[in-house]
């Protein structure tokens, strides 16, 4: 007899006894079977996790990946002088401010895209 036959017999015995045995014994049998199923499930989960994790030898092997060639500028950027005059100026002076027309164009473009995505509203009845 293999383990599957024995397992099926035990399950059949518990099923049959659930109708005739006292309720306390039936609940105890059910708890025992539930705990056994949980233990088996935990063991199988552990085995699956171990099988999915690479071994120590596989961790040491690095994949052969070619790096992207770095892009170098043709002329290096000159370093900015750090003088007292620059420290008094605001930090936004280095950043060009957008013109008024470009910001209004951006706003109009944004509103146009937003209106295109808005849901259509039902017309009121006359």
N, C-alpha and C. Protein backbone atom coordinates (compact mmCIF):
# COMPACT_ATOMS: atom_id res chain seq x y z
N UNK A 1 0.84 -1.16 0.00
CA UNK A 1 0.00 0.00 0.00
C UNK A 1 0.90 1.25 0.00
N UNK A 2 0.62 2.19 -0.90
CA UNK A 2 1.43 3.40 -0.91
C UNK A 2 0.77 4.47 -0.05
N UNK A 3 1.45 5.58 0.12
CA UNK A 3 0.98 6.60 1.04
C UNK A 3 -0.33 7.23 0.59
N UNK A 4 -0.58 7.28 -0.71
CA UNK A 4 -1.83 7.88 -1.19
C UNK A 4 -3.03 7.06 -0.75
N UNK A 5 -2.91 5.73 -0.82
CA UNK A 5 -4.00 4.88 -0.38
C UNK A 5 -4.26 5.05 1.12
N UNK A 6 -3.18 5.11 1.89
CA UNK A 6 -3.33 5.29 3.34
C UNK A 6 -3.97 6.65 3.65
N UNK A 7 -3.55 7.68 2.92
CA UNK A 7 -4.11 9.01 3.13
C UNK A 7 -5.60 9.02 2.81
N UNK A 8 -5.98 8.41 1.71
CA UNK A 8 -7.40 8.36 1.33
C UNK A 8 -8.23 7.59 2.36
N UNK A 9 -7.67 6.52 2.90
CA UNK A 9 -8.38 5.75 3.93
C UNK A 9 -8.60 6.59 5.19
N UNK A 10 -7.56 7.33 5.59
CA UNK A 10 -7.71 8.17 6.78
C UNK A 10 -8.75 9.27 6.56
N UNK A 11 -8.75 9.85 5.38
CA UNK A 11 -9.73 10.88 5.07
C UNK A 11 -11.14 10.29 5.08
N UNK A 12 -11.30 9.09 4.52
CA UNK A 12 -12.61 8.43 4.52
C UNK A 12 -13.07 8.12 5.94
N UNK A 13 -12.15 7.70 6.79
CA UNK A 13 -12.51 7.40 8.18
C UNK A 13 -13.00 8.66 8.88
N UNK A 14 -12.29 9.77 8.67
CA UNK A 14 -12.69 11.03 9.31
C UNK A 14 -14.05 11.47 8.78
N UNK A 15 -14.27 11.30 7.49
CA UNK A 15 -15.58 11.68 6.92
C UNK A 15 -16.70 10.84 7.52
N UNK A 16 -16.49 9.54 7.61
CA UNK A 16 -17.52 8.66 8.15
C UNK A 16 -17.79 8.96 9.62
N UNK A 17 -16.73 9.20 10.37
CA UNK A 17 -16.89 9.46 11.80
C UNK A 17 -17.52 10.82 12.07
N UNK A 18 -17.47 11.72 11.09
CA UNK A 18 -18.03 13.06 11.32
C UNK A 18 -19.54 13.01 11.51
N UNK A 19 -20.20 11.96 11.00
CA UNK A 19 -21.64 11.85 11.16
C UNK A 19 -22.02 11.13 12.44
N UNK A 20 -21.16 10.21 12.90
CA UNK A 20 -21.54 9.37 14.05
C UNK A 20 -20.80 9.72 15.33
N UNK A 21 -19.60 10.20 15.25
CA UNK A 21 -18.80 10.48 16.45
C UNK A 21 -19.33 11.73 17.14
N UNK A 22 -19.01 11.88 18.41
CA UNK A 22 -19.42 13.11 19.12
C UNK A 22 -18.79 14.34 18.46
N UNK A 23 -19.47 15.44 18.58
CA UNK A 23 -19.04 16.68 17.92
C UNK A 23 -17.65 17.11 18.36
N UNK A 24 -17.32 16.90 19.62
CA UNK A 24 -16.00 17.29 20.13
C UNK A 24 -14.90 16.52 19.42
N UNK A 25 -15.09 15.22 19.23
CA UNK A 25 -14.09 14.39 18.54
C UNK A 25 -13.99 14.78 17.06
N UNK A 26 -15.12 15.08 16.44
CA UNK A 26 -15.13 15.46 15.03
C UNK A 26 -14.36 16.77 14.83
N UNK A 27 -14.59 17.74 15.71
CA UNK A 27 -13.86 19.00 15.61
C UNK A 27 -12.37 18.81 15.84
N UNK A 28 -12.03 17.94 16.78
CA UNK A 28 -10.62 17.66 17.04
C UNK A 28 -9.96 17.02 15.82
N UNK A 29 -10.66 16.07 15.19
CA UNK A 29 -10.12 15.43 13.98
C UNK A 29 -9.95 16.44 12.85
N UNK A 30 -10.93 17.34 12.74
CA UNK A 30 -10.85 18.34 11.68
C UNK A 30 -9.67 19.29 11.91
N UNK A 31 -9.43 19.69 13.16
CA UNK A 31 -8.29 20.55 13.47
C UNK A 31 -6.98 19.84 13.17
N UNK A 32 -6.92 18.56 13.51
CA UNK A 32 -5.71 17.78 13.25
C UNK A 32 -5.42 17.71 11.76
N UNK A 33 -6.46 17.46 10.96
CA UNK A 33 -6.26 17.39 9.50
C UNK A 33 -5.88 18.75 8.94
N UNK A 34 -6.50 19.83 9.43
CA UNK A 34 -6.19 21.17 8.95
C UNK A 34 -4.74 21.54 9.27
N UNK A 35 -4.28 21.18 10.47
CA UNK A 35 -2.89 21.45 10.84
C UNK A 35 -1.93 20.65 9.96
N UNK A 36 -2.29 19.40 9.66
CA UNK A 36 -1.43 18.58 8.81
C UNK A 36 -1.34 19.17 7.40
N UNK A 37 -2.47 19.62 6.88
CA UNK A 37 -2.47 20.23 5.55
C UNK A 37 -1.63 21.50 5.55
N UNK A 38 -1.73 22.30 6.61
CA UNK A 38 -0.95 23.54 6.69
C UNK A 38 0.54 23.22 6.75
N UNK A 39 0.93 22.22 7.55
CA UNK A 39 2.34 21.84 7.65
C UNK A 39 2.88 21.37 6.29
N UNK A 40 2.10 20.56 5.61
CA UNK A 40 2.53 20.07 4.30
C UNK A 40 2.65 21.23 3.32
N UNK A 41 1.70 22.15 3.36
CA UNK A 41 1.74 23.32 2.47
C UNK A 41 2.97 24.17 2.74
N UNK A 42 3.30 24.37 4.02
CA UNK A 42 4.49 25.15 4.37
C UNK A 42 5.77 24.48 3.87
N UNK A 43 5.83 23.16 3.99
CA UNK A 43 7.02 22.43 3.53
C UNK A 43 7.17 22.53 2.01
N UNK A 44 6.06 22.41 1.31
CA UNK A 44 6.12 22.52 -0.16
C UNK A 44 6.52 23.93 -0.56
N UNK A 45 5.98 24.93 0.13
CA UNK A 45 6.34 26.32 -0.16
C UNK A 45 7.83 26.54 0.06
N UNK A 46 8.38 26.00 1.12
CA UNK A 46 9.80 26.12 1.40
C UNK A 46 10.64 25.46 0.31
N UNK A 47 10.21 24.28 -0.13
CA UNK A 47 10.94 23.59 -1.21
C UNK A 47 10.91 24.38 -2.50
N UNK A 48 9.77 24.98 -2.81
CA UNK A 48 9.65 25.77 -4.04
C UNK A 48 10.55 27.00 -3.96
N UNK A 49 10.57 27.66 -2.82
CA UNK A 49 11.42 28.85 -2.66
C UNK A 49 12.89 28.48 -2.82
N UNK A 50 13.30 27.37 -2.22
CA UNK A 50 14.70 26.95 -2.34
C UNK A 50 15.05 26.61 -3.78
N UNK A 51 14.12 26.01 -4.49
CA UNK A 51 14.42 25.64 -5.87
C UNK A 51 14.47 26.85 -6.79
N UNK A 52 13.78 27.93 -6.43
CA UNK A 52 13.79 29.13 -7.27
C UNK A 52 15.00 30.02 -6.99
N UNK A 53 15.61 29.89 -5.82
CA UNK A 53 16.77 30.71 -5.49
C UNK A 53 18.02 30.10 -6.11
N UNK A 54 18.90 30.94 -6.68
CA UNK A 54 20.12 30.40 -7.27
C UNK A 54 21.06 29.88 -6.18
N UNK A 55 21.88 28.96 -6.54
CA UNK A 55 22.85 28.41 -5.59
C UNK A 55 23.98 29.40 -5.39
N UNK A 56 24.86 29.11 -4.44
CA UNK A 56 25.98 30.01 -4.16
C UNK A 56 26.91 30.13 -5.36
N UNK A 57 27.10 29.04 -6.10
CA UNK A 57 27.97 29.09 -7.27
C UNK A 57 27.39 29.99 -8.35
N UNK A 58 26.10 29.97 -8.50
CA UNK A 58 25.46 30.80 -9.52
C UNK A 58 25.51 32.27 -9.12
N UNK A 59 25.52 32.56 -7.83
CA UNK A 59 25.60 33.95 -7.38
C UNK A 59 26.96 34.55 -7.71
N UNK A 60 28.01 33.74 -7.65
CA UNK A 60 29.36 34.24 -7.90
C UNK A 60 29.59 34.54 -9.38
N UNK A 61 28.91 33.86 -10.25
CA UNK A 61 29.09 34.05 -11.68
C UNK A 61 28.38 35.33 -12.09
N UNK A 62 29.14 36.24 -12.69
CA UNK A 62 28.55 37.50 -13.13
C UNK A 62 28.18 37.38 -14.59
N UNK A 63 27.05 37.93 -14.99
CA UNK A 63 26.68 37.87 -16.40
C UNK A 63 27.62 38.74 -17.23
N UNK A 64 27.87 38.31 -18.45
CA UNK A 64 28.76 39.03 -19.34
C UNK A 64 27.94 40.07 -20.08
N UNK A 65 27.90 41.28 -19.52
CA UNK A 65 27.11 42.35 -20.09
C UNK A 65 28.06 43.45 -20.55
N UNK A 66 27.89 43.87 -21.80
CA UNK A 66 28.72 44.96 -22.31
C UNK A 66 28.13 46.28 -21.84
N UNK A 67 28.99 47.14 -21.37
CA UNK A 67 28.54 48.44 -20.90
C UNK A 67 28.33 49.37 -22.09
N UNK A 68 27.47 50.35 -21.90
CA UNK A 68 27.25 51.35 -22.93
C UNK A 68 28.53 52.17 -23.10
N UNK A 69 28.91 52.47 -24.32
CA UNK A 69 30.08 53.34 -24.46
C UNK A 69 29.72 54.72 -23.94
N UNK A 70 30.60 55.26 -23.15
CA UNK A 70 30.29 56.57 -22.57
C UNK A 70 30.45 57.65 -23.63
N UNK A 71 29.62 58.65 -23.54
CA UNK A 71 29.66 59.76 -24.47
C UNK A 71 30.44 60.88 -23.81
N UNK A 72 31.49 61.31 -24.47
CA UNK A 72 32.32 62.37 -23.92
C UNK A 72 32.12 63.62 -24.76
N UNK A 73 32.00 64.78 -24.13
CA UNK A 73 31.85 65.99 -24.90
C UNK A 73 33.15 66.30 -25.64
N UNK A 74 33.00 66.91 -26.81
CA UNK A 74 34.19 67.19 -27.62
C UNK A 74 35.08 68.21 -26.94
N UNK A 75 34.50 69.19 -26.27
CA UNK A 75 35.30 70.15 -25.53
C UNK A 75 34.82 70.16 -24.10
N UNK A 76 35.74 70.11 -23.15
CA UNK A 76 35.31 70.13 -21.75
C UNK A 76 34.76 71.49 -21.39
N UNK A 77 33.78 71.50 -20.50
CA UNK A 77 33.18 72.74 -20.05
C UNK A 77 34.15 73.46 -19.11
N UNK A 78 34.31 74.78 -19.27
CA UNK A 78 35.22 75.50 -18.38
C UNK A 78 34.61 75.61 -16.99
N UNK A 79 35.42 75.53 -15.95
CA UNK A 79 34.88 75.63 -14.59
C UNK A 79 34.40 77.05 -14.34
N UNK A 80 33.33 77.16 -13.58
CA UNK A 80 32.77 78.47 -13.26
C UNK A 80 33.64 79.11 -12.18
N UNK A 81 33.94 80.38 -12.35
CA UNK A 81 34.74 81.05 -11.31
C UNK A 81 33.89 81.27 -10.08
N UNK A 82 34.49 81.04 -8.94
CA UNK A 82 33.79 81.22 -7.67
C UNK A 82 34.29 82.50 -7.04
N UNK A 83 33.61 83.60 -7.34
CA UNK A 83 34.03 84.88 -6.80
C UNK A 83 32.95 85.43 -5.90
N UNK A 84 33.26 86.51 -5.21
CA UNK A 84 32.31 87.12 -4.29
C UNK A 84 31.15 87.73 -5.06
N UNK A 85 31.39 88.22 -6.27
CA UNK A 85 30.32 88.82 -7.06
C UNK A 85 29.28 87.77 -7.42
N UNK A 86 29.71 86.54 -7.72
CA UNK A 86 28.77 85.48 -8.06
C UNK A 86 28.01 85.00 -6.83
N UNK A 87 28.61 85.07 -5.67
CA UNK A 87 27.92 84.59 -4.48
C UNK A 87 26.80 85.54 -4.06
N UNK A 88 26.93 86.84 -4.42
CA UNK A 88 25.87 87.79 -4.09
C UNK A 88 24.70 87.69 -5.06
N UNK A 89 24.94 87.23 -6.26
CA UNK A 89 23.87 87.13 -7.25
C UNK A 89 22.95 85.98 -6.89
N UNK A 90 21.73 86.07 -7.34
CA UNK A 90 20.78 85.01 -7.04
C UNK A 90 21.11 83.76 -7.85
N UNK A 91 20.68 82.63 -7.36
CA UNK A 91 20.97 81.37 -8.04
C UNK A 91 20.18 81.24 -9.33
N UNK A 92 19.12 82.00 -9.49
CA UNK A 92 18.32 81.91 -10.71
C UNK A 92 18.92 82.71 -11.85
N UNK A 93 19.96 83.50 -11.59
CA UNK A 93 20.55 84.29 -12.66
C UNK A 93 21.25 83.39 -13.67
N UNK A 94 21.72 82.23 -13.25
CA UNK A 94 22.39 81.31 -14.17
C UNK A 94 21.38 80.59 -15.05
N UNK A 95 20.15 80.46 -14.59
CA UNK A 95 19.12 79.75 -15.33
C UNK A 95 18.36 80.75 -16.18
N UNK A 96 18.28 80.53 -17.49
CA UNK A 96 17.53 81.49 -18.31
C UNK A 96 16.05 81.38 -18.00
N UNK A 97 15.42 82.55 -17.83
CA UNK A 97 14.00 82.55 -17.54
C UNK A 97 13.21 82.44 -18.84
N UNK A 98 12.13 81.69 -18.83
CA UNK A 98 11.34 81.56 -20.05
C UNK A 98 10.64 82.89 -20.35
N UNK A 99 10.49 83.15 -21.62
CA UNK A 99 9.84 84.40 -22.01
C UNK A 99 8.35 84.30 -21.74
N UNK A 100 7.70 85.43 -21.69
CA UNK A 100 6.28 85.48 -21.38
C UNK A 100 5.46 84.77 -22.45
N UNK A 101 5.85 84.92 -23.70
CA UNK A 101 5.08 84.29 -24.77
C UNK A 101 5.19 82.78 -24.73
N UNK A 102 6.38 82.25 -24.37
CA UNK A 102 6.52 80.79 -24.33
C UNK A 102 5.71 80.20 -23.18
N UNK A 103 5.59 80.92 -22.05
CA UNK A 103 4.80 80.38 -20.95
C UNK A 103 3.32 80.43 -21.27
N UNK A 104 2.89 81.48 -21.97
CA UNK A 104 1.46 81.54 -22.33
C UNK A 104 1.15 80.49 -23.40
N UNK A 105 2.12 80.24 -24.31
CA UNK A 105 1.93 79.18 -25.29
C UNK A 105 1.83 77.82 -24.62
N UNK A 106 2.67 77.61 -23.61
CA UNK A 106 2.63 76.35 -22.88
C UNK A 106 1.31 76.19 -22.15
N UNK A 107 0.81 77.30 -21.56
CA UNK A 107 -0.46 77.25 -20.85
C UNK A 107 -1.60 76.94 -21.81
N UNK A 108 -1.60 77.60 -22.96
CA UNK A 108 -2.65 77.36 -23.95
C UNK A 108 -2.62 75.92 -24.45
N UNK A 109 -1.40 75.42 -24.67
CA UNK A 109 -1.26 74.04 -25.13
C UNK A 109 -1.79 73.07 -24.08
N UNK A 110 -1.46 73.34 -22.82
CA UNK A 110 -1.92 72.48 -21.74
C UNK A 110 -3.45 72.49 -21.63
N UNK A 111 -4.03 73.69 -21.69
CA UNK A 111 -5.49 73.79 -21.59
C UNK A 111 -6.18 73.12 -22.77
N UNK A 112 -5.59 73.23 -23.94
CA UNK A 112 -6.16 72.59 -25.13
C UNK A 112 -6.15 71.07 -24.98
N UNK A 113 -5.04 70.53 -24.49
CA UNK A 113 -4.96 69.07 -24.29
C UNK A 113 -5.91 68.63 -23.18
N UNK A 114 -6.03 69.44 -22.14
CA UNK A 114 -6.91 69.09 -21.04
C UNK A 114 -8.38 69.09 -21.49
N UNK A 115 -8.77 70.06 -22.31
CA UNK A 115 -10.15 70.11 -22.80
C UNK A 115 -10.44 68.96 -23.75
N UNK A 116 -9.43 68.52 -24.49
CA UNK A 116 -9.63 67.40 -25.41
C UNK A 116 -9.91 66.11 -24.64
N UNK A 117 -9.38 66.03 -23.43
CA UNK A 117 -9.56 64.82 -22.63
C UNK A 117 -10.78 64.88 -21.72
N UNK A 118 -11.40 66.03 -21.60
CA UNK A 118 -12.54 66.15 -20.71
C UNK A 118 -13.74 65.40 -21.28
N UNK A 119 -14.58 64.85 -20.41
CA UNK A 119 -15.73 64.10 -20.88
C UNK A 119 -16.77 65.04 -21.50
N UNK A 120 -17.52 64.49 -22.42
CA UNK A 120 -18.57 65.31 -23.04
C UNK A 120 -19.73 65.41 -22.06
N UNK A 121 -20.28 66.60 -21.97
CA UNK A 121 -21.38 66.84 -21.04
C UNK A 121 -22.69 66.80 -21.79
N UNK A 122 -23.74 66.25 -21.21
CA UNK A 122 -25.03 66.20 -21.90
C UNK A 122 -25.62 67.61 -22.05
N UNK A 123 -26.30 67.80 -23.15
CA UNK A 123 -26.93 69.10 -23.39
C UNK A 123 -28.23 69.16 -22.61
N UNK A 124 -28.54 70.34 -22.16
CA UNK A 124 -29.75 70.48 -21.37
C UNK A 124 -30.97 70.40 -22.29
N UNK A 125 -32.06 69.93 -21.76
CA UNK A 125 -33.29 69.84 -22.56
C UNK A 125 -33.92 71.20 -22.71
N UNK A 126 -34.53 71.45 -23.83
CA UNK A 126 -35.12 72.76 -24.11
C UNK A 126 -36.56 72.79 -23.67
